Amino acid sequence: MIAHLLKEKSVPLVLFFLICSIPSFAFAEERKTSNKEVKDADYYFMLGLTYKTTDKYQESADAYKQAIGIKPDYAQAHFNLGLVYIIMDDKGSALDVYKILKDLDEYLANLLFDKIYP
């Protein structure tokens, strides 16, 4: 996965995912084992990163959708969901995410579009 991003010269994205995902493992697992219902968009975002870095892409997509459900204007969660759809070879869903994202964050929307249509 990381080697693939490096080949596409997406080093800033690679660094972002590495920096964000390292602390997410412990954080997500600690919160996941709690019996109380979690309603925190950031928790689901970090859980999505955790699943993504462990190649559990469907679980990652589901976690990002949870984050978006709690905070619909969460641009980074939309962007990451789009990336996961691309990894899952679902360009149609990634394009749907792009259409929403372009109203939230034009820069991230353009990055996602460039990943959908390299």
C-alpha atoms as a PDB file:
ATOM      1  CA  MET A   1       0.000   0.000   0.000  1.00  0.00           C
ATOM      2  CA  ILE A   2       2.632   2.548   1.030  1.00  0.00           C
ATOM      3  CA  ALA A   3       4.940   1.496  -1.806  1.00  0.00           C
ATOM      4  CA  HIS A   4       2.044   2.042  -4.217  1.00  0.00           C
ATOM      5  CA  LEU A   5       1.531   5.604  -2.931  1.00  0.00           C
ATOM      6  CA  LEU A   6       5.250   6.309  -3.174  1.00  0.00           C
ATOM      7  CA  LYS A   7       5.264   5.219  -6.814  1.00  0.00           C
ATOM      8  CA  GLU A   8       2.480   7.733  -7.439  1.00  0.00           C
ATOM      9  CA  LYS A   9       4.602  10.432  -5.768  1.00  0.00           C
ATOM     10  CA  SER A  10       2.076  10.888  -2.987  1.00  0.00           C
ATOM     11  CA  VAL A  11       4.654  11.236  -0.272  1.00  0.00           C
ATOM     12  CA  PRO A  12       2.661  13.868   1.679  1.00  0.00           C
ATOM     13  CA  LEU A  13      -0.306  11.475   1.862  1.00  0.00           C
ATOM     14  CA  VAL A  14       1.955   8.609   2.920  1.00  0.00           C
ATOM     15  CA  LEU A  15       3.439  10.721   5.690  1.00  0.00           C
ATOM     16  CA  PHE A  16      -0.014  11.852   6.774  1.00  0.00           C
ATOM     17  CA  PHE A  17      -1.286   8.283   7.065  1.00  0.00           C
ATOM     18  CA  LEU A  18       1.828   7.133   8.916  1.00  0.00           C
ATOM     19  CA  ILE A  19       1.713   9.990  11.388  1.00  0.00           C
ATOM     20  CA  CYS A  20      -2.017   9.669  11.985  1.00  0.00           C
ATOM     21  CA  SER A  21      -2.205   5.899  12.131  1.00  0.00           C
ATOM     22  CA  ILE A  22       0.565   5.107  14.599  1.00  0.00           C
ATOM     23  CA  PRO A  23      -1.255   6.381  17.697  1.00  0.00           C
ATOM     24  CA  SER A  24      -4.605   5.244  16.364  1.00  0.00           C
ATOM     25  CA  PHE A  25      -4.041   1.542  17.071  1.00  0.00           C
ATOM     26  CA  ALA A  26      -3.999   1.867  20.842  1.00  0.00           C
ATOM     27  CA  PHE A  27      -6.628   4.606  20.877  1.00  0.00           C
ATOM     28  CA  ALA A  28      -9.104   2.717  18.723  1.00  0.00           C
ATOM     29  CA  GLU A  29      -8.679  -0.597  20.487  1.00  0.00           C
ATOM     30  CA  GLU A  30      -9.051   1.010  23.913  1.00  0.00           C
ATOM     31  CA  ARG A  31     -12.276   2.774  22.934  1.00  0.00           C
ATOM     32  CA  LYS A  32     -13.578  -0.245  20.996  1.00  0.00           C
ATOM     33  CA  THR A  33     -13.473  -2.484  24.056  1.00  0.00           C
ATOM     34  CA  SER A  34     -15.563  -0.074  26.089  1.00  0.00           C
ATOM     35  CA  ASN A  35     -19.202  -1.091  26.584  1.00  0.00           C
ATOM     36  CA  LYS A  36     -20.595   2.415  26.265  1.00  0.00           C
ATOM     37  CA  GLU A  37     -21.878   3.635  22.931  1.00  0.00           C
ATOM     38  CA  VAL A  38     -19.447   5.902  21.149  1.00  0.00           C
ATOM     39  CA  LYS A  39     -20.762   9.017  19.394  1.00  0.00           C
ATOM     40  CA  ASP A  40     -17.455  10.696  18.612  1.00  0.00           C
ATOM     41  CA  ALA A  41     -16.637  11.378  14.952  1.00  0.00           C
ATOM     42  CA  ASP A  42     -12.910  11.540  15.705  1.00  0.00           C
ATOM     43  CA  TYR A  43     -13.018   8.096  17.278  1.00  0.00           C
ATOM     44  CA  TYR A  44     -14.548   6.601  14.124  1.00  0.00           C
ATOM     45  CA  PHE A  45     -12.067   8.518  11.966  1.00  0.00           C
ATOM     46  CA  MET A  46      -9.162   7.032  13.918  1.00  0.00           C
ATOM     47  CA  LEU A  47     -10.789   3.602  13.798  1.00  0.00           C
ATOM     48  CA  GLY A  48     -11.040   3.976  10.015  1.00  0.00           C
ATOM     49  CA  LEU A  49      -7.316   4.756   9.861  1.00  0.00           C
ATOM     50  CA  THR A  50      -6.569   1.736  12.018  1.00  0.00           C
ATOM     51  CA  TYR A  51      -8.572  -0.594   9.814  1.00  0.00           C
ATOM     52  CA  LYS A  52      -7.052   0.928   6.670  1.00  0.00           C
ATOM     53  CA  THR A  53      -3.497   0.390   7.864  1.00  0.00           C
ATOM     54  CA  THR A  54      -4.315  -3.243   8.651  1.00  0.00           C
ATOM     55  CA  ASP A  55      -5.866  -3.810   5.200  1.00  0.00           C
ATOM     56  CA  LYS A  56      -9.411  -4.182   6.563  1.00  0.00           C
ATOM     57  CA  TYR A  57     -10.899  -1.925   3.918  1.00  0.00           C
ATOM     58  CA  GLN A  58     -14.602  -2.664   4.331  1.00  0.00           C
ATOM     59  CA  GLU A  59     -14.333  -2.074   8.076  1.00  0.00           C
ATOM     60  CA  SER A  60     -12.406   1.118   7.345  1.00  0.00           C
ATOM     61  CA  ALA A  61     -15.139   2.351   5.000  1.00  0.00           C
ATOM     62  CA  ASP A  62     -17.788   1.546   7.597  1.00  0.00           C
ATOM     63  CA  ALA A  63     -15.886   3.479  10.272  1.00  0.00           C
ATOM     64  CA  TYR A  64     -15.507   6.525   8.011  1.00  0.00           C
ATOM     65  CA  LYS A  65     -19.237   6.371   7.245  1.00  0.00           C
ATOM     66  CA  GLN A  66     -19.919   6.367  10.990  1.00  0.00           C
ATOM     67  CA  ALA A  67     -17.727   9.462  11.410  1.00  0.00           C
ATOM     68  CA  ILE A  68     -19.551  11.180   8.547  1.00  0.00           C
ATOM     69  CA  GLY A  69     -22.904  10.202  10.023  1.00  0.00           C
ATOM     70  CA  ILE A  70     -21.974  11.992  13.234  1.00  0.00           C
ATOM     71  CA  LYS A  71     -20.293  14.954  11.529  1.00  0.00           C
ATOM     72  CA  PRO A  72     -21.491  15.278   7.902  1.00  0.00           C
ATOM     73  CA  ASP A  73     -19.044  18.093   7.089  1.00  0.00           C
ATOM     74  CA  TYR A  74     -15.979  16.056   8.153  1.00  0.00           C
ATOM     75  CA  ALA A  75     -13.981  16.613   4.961  1.00  0.00           C
ATOM     76  CA  GLN A  76     -10.995  14.435   5.925  1.00  0.00           C
ATOM     77  CA  ALA A  77     -13.314  11.497   6.650  1.00  0.00           C
ATOM     78  CA  HIS A  78     -14.949  11.916   3.232  1.00  0.00           C
ATOM     79  CA  PHE A  79     -11.520  12.065   1.604  1.00  0.00           C
ATOM     80  CA  ASN A  80     -10.280   8.934   3.381  1.00  0.00           C
ATOM     81  CA  LEU A  81     -13.506   7.118   2.528  1.00  0.00           C
ATOM     82  CA  GLY A  82     -12.909   7.967  -1.121  1.00  0.00           C
ATOM     83  CA  LEU A  83      -9.345   6.632  -0.899  1.00  0.00           C
ATOM     84  CA  VAL A  84     -10.589   3.398   0.628  1.00  0.00           C
ATOM     85  CA  TYR A  85     -13.123   3.020  -2.186  1.00  0.00           C
ATOM     86  CA  ILE A  86     -10.299   3.464  -4.695  1.00  0.00           C
ATOM     87  CA  ILE A  87      -8.258   0.769  -2.941  1.00  0.00           C
ATOM     88  CA  MET A  88     -11.344  -1.474  -3.060  1.00  0.00           C
ATOM     89  CA  ASP A  89     -11.573  -0.752  -6.815  1.00  0.00           C
ATOM     90  CA  ASP A  90     -14.956   0.981  -6.431  1.00  0.00           C
ATOM     91  CA  LYS A  91     -14.414   4.125  -8.486  1.00  0.00           C
ATOM     92  CA  GLY A  92     -18.161   4.781  -8.707  1.00  0.00           C
ATOM     93  CA  SER A  93     -18.455   5.151  -4.941  1.00  0.00           C
ATOM     94  CA  ALA A  94     -15.239   7.184  -4.846  1.00  0.00           C
ATOM     95  CA  LEU A  95     -16.741   9.541  -7.415  1.00  0.00           C
ATOM     96  CA  ASP A  96     -19.891   9.880  -5.286  1.00  0.00           C
ATOM     97  CA  VAL A  97     -17.668  10.873  -2.354  1.00  0.00           C
ATOM     98  CA  TYR A  98     -15.855  13.363  -4.597  1.00  0.00           C
ATOM     99  CA  LYS A  99     -19.147  15.054  -5.484  1.00  0.00           C
ATOM    100  CA  ILE A 100     -19.901  15.608  -1.800  1.00  0.00           C
ATOM    101  CA  LEU A 101     -16.333  16.558  -0.935  1.00  0.00           C
ATOM    102  CA  LYS A 102     -16.069  19.274  -3.570  1.00  0.00           C
ATOM    103  CA  ASP A 103     -18.623  21.307  -1.570  1.00  0.00           C
ATOM    104  CA  LEU A 104     -16.720  20.748   1.688  1.00  0.00           C
ATOM    105  CA  ASP A 105     -13.062  21.121   0.738  1.00  0.00           C
ATOM    106  CA  GLU A 106     -12.028  21.890  -2.833  1.00  0.00           C
ATOM    107  CA  TYR A 107      -8.383  21.015  -2.254  1.00  0.00           C
ATOM    108  CA  LEU A 108      -9.133  17.530  -0.873  1.00  0.00           C
ATOM    109  CA  ALA A 109     -11.751  17.010  -3.580  1.00  0.00           C
ATOM    110  CA  ASN A 110      -9.146  17.723  -6.266  1.00  0.00           C
ATOM    111  CA  LEU A 111      -6.672  15.339  -4.613  1.00  0.00           C
ATOM    112  CA  LEU A 112      -9.318  12.627  -4.569  1.00  0.00           C
ATOM    113  CA  PHE A 113     -10.290  13.266  -8.186  1.00  0.00           C
ATOM    114  CA  ASP A 114      -6.636  12.914  -9.207  1.00  0.00           C
ATOM    115  CA  LYS A 115      -6.555   9.534  -7.454  1.00  0.00           C
ATOM    116  CA  ILE A 116      -9.771   8.387  -9.135  1.00  0.00           C
ATOM    117  CA  TYR A 117      -8.531   9.404 -12.581  1.00  0.00           C
ATOM    118  CA  PRO A 118      -4.698   9.318 -12.435  1.00  0.00           C
END
